[in-house]
N, C-alpha and C. Protein backbone atom coordinates (compact mmCIF):
# COMPACT_ATOMS: atom_id res chain seq x y z
N UNK A 1 13.40 -16.70 -3.17
CA UNK A 1 12.10 -16.31 -2.71
C UNK A 1 11.08 -16.42 -3.85
N UNK A 2 11.47 -16.04 -5.05
CA UNK A 2 10.57 -16.13 -6.20
C UNK A 2 10.13 -17.57 -6.40
N UNK A 3 11.05 -18.52 -6.26
CA UNK A 3 10.71 -19.93 -6.45
C UNK A 3 9.70 -20.38 -5.39
N UNK A 4 9.86 -19.92 -4.15
CA UNK A 4 8.91 -20.27 -3.09
C UNK A 4 7.53 -19.68 -3.37
N UNK A 5 7.50 -18.44 -3.81
CA UNK A 5 6.22 -17.82 -4.16
C UNK A 5 5.55 -18.58 -5.31
N UNK A 6 6.34 -18.91 -6.33
CA UNK A 6 5.79 -19.63 -7.48
C UNK A 6 5.25 -20.99 -7.06
N UNK A 7 5.93 -21.66 -6.15
CA UNK A 7 5.47 -22.97 -5.68
C UNK A 7 4.17 -22.83 -4.88
N UNK A 8 4.05 -21.76 -4.13
CA UNK A 8 2.86 -21.55 -3.32
C UNK A 8 1.69 -20.95 -4.07
N UNK A 9 1.95 -20.43 -5.27
CA UNK A 9 0.90 -19.79 -6.08
C UNK A 9 0.89 -20.39 -7.48
N UNK A 10 0.56 -21.69 -7.59
CA UNK A 10 0.60 -22.31 -8.91
C UNK A 10 -0.37 -21.63 -9.88
N UNK A 11 0.06 -21.50 -11.10
CA UNK A 11 -0.78 -20.89 -12.12
C UNK A 11 -0.63 -19.38 -12.21
N UNK A 12 0.15 -18.79 -11.31
CA UNK A 12 0.37 -17.34 -11.34
C UNK A 12 1.81 -17.10 -11.77
N UNK A 13 1.97 -16.35 -12.83
CA UNK A 13 3.32 -16.08 -13.36
C UNK A 13 4.03 -15.06 -12.46
N UNK A 14 5.24 -15.38 -12.09
CA UNK A 14 6.08 -14.46 -11.32
C UNK A 14 6.88 -13.62 -12.32
N UNK A 15 6.75 -12.32 -12.24
CA UNK A 15 7.42 -11.42 -13.17
C UNK A 15 8.41 -10.57 -12.39
N UNK A 16 9.68 -10.58 -12.79
CA UNK A 16 10.66 -9.73 -12.11
C UNK A 16 10.30 -8.25 -12.27
N UNK A 17 10.54 -7.47 -11.24
CA UNK A 17 10.18 -6.05 -11.25
C UNK A 17 10.82 -5.31 -12.43
N UNK A 18 12.04 -5.69 -12.78
CA UNK A 18 12.70 -4.96 -13.88
C UNK A 18 11.98 -5.15 -15.21
N UNK A 19 11.25 -6.22 -15.37
CA UNK A 19 10.45 -6.39 -16.60
C UNK A 19 9.28 -5.41 -16.64
N UNK A 20 8.94 -4.86 -15.50
CA UNK A 20 7.85 -3.88 -15.42
C UNK A 20 8.39 -2.45 -15.34
N UNK A 21 9.70 -2.32 -15.50
CA UNK A 21 10.31 -1.00 -15.49
C UNK A 21 10.77 -0.50 -14.13
N UNK A 22 10.77 -1.37 -13.12
CA UNK A 22 11.23 -0.97 -11.78
C UNK A 22 12.55 -1.69 -11.52
N UNK A 23 13.63 -0.91 -11.40
CA UNK A 23 14.94 -1.51 -11.15
C UNK A 23 14.94 -2.21 -9.79
N UNK A 24 15.66 -3.31 -9.68
CA UNK A 24 15.68 -4.12 -8.46
C UNK A 24 16.04 -3.28 -7.24
N UNK A 25 17.00 -2.38 -7.37
CA UNK A 25 17.42 -1.58 -6.22
C UNK A 25 16.41 -0.50 -5.85
N UNK A 26 15.39 -0.33 -6.67
CA UNK A 26 14.37 0.70 -6.39
C UNK A 26 13.03 0.10 -5.93
N UNK A 27 12.96 -1.21 -5.76
CA UNK A 27 11.68 -1.86 -5.43
C UNK A 27 11.08 -1.33 -4.13
N UNK A 28 11.90 -1.18 -3.09
CA UNK A 28 11.36 -0.72 -1.81
C UNK A 28 10.85 0.71 -1.91
N UNK A 29 11.60 1.56 -2.55
CA UNK A 29 11.16 2.95 -2.72
C UNK A 29 9.86 3.00 -3.53
N UNK A 30 9.78 2.17 -4.56
CA UNK A 30 8.58 2.12 -5.38
C UNK A 30 7.38 1.66 -4.54
N UNK A 31 7.58 0.65 -3.71
CA UNK A 31 6.50 0.13 -2.87
C UNK A 31 5.99 1.22 -1.91
N UNK A 32 6.91 1.97 -1.31
CA UNK A 32 6.49 3.05 -0.41
C UNK A 32 5.80 4.18 -1.17
N UNK A 33 6.21 4.42 -2.40
CA UNK A 33 5.53 5.42 -3.21
C UNK A 33 4.09 4.99 -3.49
N UNK A 34 3.88 3.71 -3.74
CA UNK A 34 2.51 3.20 -3.97
C UNK A 34 1.68 3.38 -2.70
N UNK A 35 2.24 3.05 -1.52
CA UNK A 35 1.52 3.23 -0.26
C UNK A 35 1.17 4.70 -0.05
N UNK A 36 2.10 5.59 -0.33
CA UNK A 36 1.84 7.03 -0.17
C UNK A 36 0.75 7.50 -1.14
N UNK A 37 0.81 7.03 -2.36
CA UNK A 37 -0.20 7.39 -3.36
C UNK A 37 -1.59 6.96 -2.89
N UNK A 38 -1.69 5.74 -2.39
CA UNK A 38 -2.99 5.25 -1.91
C UNK A 38 -3.48 6.08 -0.73
N UNK A 39 -2.60 6.41 0.21
CA UNK A 39 -3.00 7.23 1.36
C UNK A 39 -3.44 8.62 0.91
N UNK A 40 -2.70 9.21 -0.02
CA UNK A 40 -3.03 10.54 -0.53
C UNK A 40 -4.43 10.56 -1.14
N UNK A 41 -4.80 9.46 -1.78
CA UNK A 41 -6.10 9.37 -2.43
C UNK A 41 -7.17 8.74 -1.52
N UNK A 42 -6.90 8.79 -0.21
CA UNK A 42 -7.86 8.33 0.81
C UNK A 42 -8.29 6.88 0.62
N UNK A 43 -7.34 6.06 0.23
CA UNK A 43 -7.63 4.63 0.12
C UNK A 43 -6.77 3.90 1.15
N UNK A 44 -7.32 2.85 1.72
CA UNK A 44 -6.54 2.10 2.71
C UNK A 44 -5.26 1.62 2.05
N UNK A 45 -4.20 1.56 2.84
CA UNK A 45 -2.92 1.14 2.28
C UNK A 45 -2.30 0.02 3.11
N UNK A 46 -3.18 -0.84 3.63
CA UNK A 46 -2.71 -2.09 4.22
C UNK A 46 -3.69 -3.18 3.83
N UNK A 47 -3.29 -4.40 4.00
CA UNK A 47 -4.13 -5.55 3.67
C UNK A 47 -4.26 -6.38 4.94
N UNK A 48 -5.36 -6.22 5.67
CA UNK A 48 -5.50 -6.91 6.95
C UNK A 48 -5.22 -8.41 6.89
N UNK A 49 -5.62 -9.07 5.82
CA UNK A 49 -5.39 -10.51 5.72
C UNK A 49 -3.90 -10.85 5.63
N UNK A 50 -3.10 -9.90 5.18
CA UNK A 50 -1.65 -10.14 5.07
C UNK A 50 -0.88 -9.60 6.27
N UNK A 51 -1.40 -8.54 6.89
CA UNK A 51 -0.65 -7.90 7.97
C UNK A 51 -1.09 -8.35 9.36
N UNK A 52 -2.28 -8.97 9.44
CA UNK A 52 -2.79 -9.35 10.76
C UNK A 52 -3.55 -8.22 11.44
N UNK A 53 -3.71 -7.10 10.74
CA UNK A 53 -4.45 -5.97 11.32
C UNK A 53 -5.91 -6.36 11.52
N UNK A 54 -6.56 -5.71 12.47
CA UNK A 54 -7.97 -6.01 12.74
C UNK A 54 -8.90 -5.38 11.72
N UNK A 55 -8.45 -4.32 11.04
CA UNK A 55 -9.28 -3.64 10.07
C UNK A 55 -8.39 -2.89 9.09
N UNK A 56 -8.99 -2.50 7.99
CA UNK A 56 -8.24 -1.70 7.01
C UNK A 56 -7.92 -0.35 7.63
N UNK A 57 -6.77 0.19 7.30
CA UNK A 57 -6.34 1.44 7.90
C UNK A 57 -5.47 2.22 6.92
N UNK A 58 -5.22 3.47 7.27
CA UNK A 58 -4.34 4.34 6.52
C UNK A 58 -3.11 4.61 7.38
N UNK A 59 -1.97 4.69 6.77
CA UNK A 59 -0.78 5.16 7.47
C UNK A 59 -0.55 6.57 7.00
N UNK A 60 -0.64 7.50 7.93
CA UNK A 60 -0.50 8.90 7.58
C UNK A 60 0.51 9.53 8.52
N UNK A 61 1.60 10.03 8.00
CA UNK A 61 2.66 10.65 8.80
C UNK A 61 3.11 9.73 9.92
N UNK A 62 3.23 8.43 9.61
CA UNK A 62 3.71 7.48 10.60
C UNK A 62 2.68 7.05 11.61
N UNK A 63 1.45 7.49 11.47
CA UNK A 63 0.39 7.17 12.43
C UNK A 63 -0.68 6.36 11.71
N UNK A 64 -1.11 5.26 12.33
CA UNK A 64 -2.15 4.43 11.72
C UNK A 64 -3.51 4.93 12.15
N UNK A 65 -4.39 5.15 11.20
CA UNK A 65 -5.74 5.63 11.46
C UNK A 65 -6.73 4.63 10.89
N UNK A 66 -7.84 4.42 11.59
CA UNK A 66 -8.91 3.59 11.05
C UNK A 66 -9.42 4.26 9.78
N UNK A 67 -9.91 3.48 8.86
CA UNK A 67 -10.34 4.01 7.56
C UNK A 67 -11.32 5.16 7.71
N UNK A 68 -12.34 5.03 8.55
CA UNK A 68 -13.33 6.10 8.73
C UNK A 68 -12.73 7.36 9.30
N UNK A 69 -11.84 7.22 10.27
CA UNK A 69 -11.18 8.37 10.89
C UNK A 69 -10.31 9.10 9.88
N UNK A 70 -9.60 8.35 9.07
CA UNK A 70 -8.73 8.96 8.07
C UNK A 70 -9.54 9.72 7.03
N UNK A 71 -10.68 9.16 6.62
CA UNK A 71 -11.51 9.86 5.64
C UNK A 71 -12.05 11.16 6.23
N UNK A 72 -12.44 11.13 7.49
CA UNK A 72 -12.94 12.35 8.14
C UNK A 72 -11.85 13.41 8.18
N UNK A 73 -10.64 13.03 8.54
CA UNK A 73 -9.54 13.99 8.57
C UNK A 73 -9.23 14.52 7.18
N UNK A 74 -9.32 13.67 6.18
CA UNK A 74 -9.07 14.09 4.81
C UNK A 74 -10.09 15.13 4.36
N UNK A 75 -11.36 14.92 4.72
CA UNK A 75 -12.40 15.89 4.35
C UNK A 75 -12.15 17.23 5.05
N UNK A 76 -11.70 17.20 6.29
CA UNK A 76 -11.39 18.45 6.99
C UNK A 76 -10.25 19.19 6.30
N UNK A 77 -9.20 18.46 5.89
CA UNK A 77 -8.08 19.10 5.19
C UNK A 77 -8.55 19.71 3.88
N UNK A 78 -9.43 19.00 3.16
CA UNK A 78 -9.94 19.51 1.88
C UNK A 78 -10.72 20.80 2.09
N UNK A 79 -11.51 20.88 3.15
CA UNK A 79 -12.27 22.10 3.43
C UNK A 79 -11.34 23.26 3.74
N UNK A 80 -10.25 22.99 4.46
CA UNK A 80 -9.29 24.04 4.81
C UNK A 80 -8.59 24.58 3.58
N UNK A 81 -8.40 23.74 2.58
CA UNK A 81 -7.70 24.16 1.35
C UNK A 81 -8.57 25.08 0.51
N UNK A 82 -9.88 25.05 0.70
CA UNK A 82 -10.78 25.85 -0.14
C UNK A 82 -10.74 27.30 0.22
C-alpha cells in the first residue's frame, strides 16, 4: 500500500508510523485518538473530499453532527459545566 501511495503522490515522502513513534499495531488506536481529540476541541473530524460527505461534521458518541450543530451543543455543555 505504501508503494501505491508513493506512486500516486510523487514528491511526498512516505514515512512509516514507527519512525514517528507510533508502533504499527497501534496505528488504528492512534488514529481514533486523533479523531477524538479533534472532536473534543470542537473541530471537524472528517474530510468531506476523502469521505464523500456533503459537509464537514463531527462524530460525537457515534452520532454525526453538522459542524454548526456540534458547536452549539458544545457551547451548551460548556455553560452547564460552569
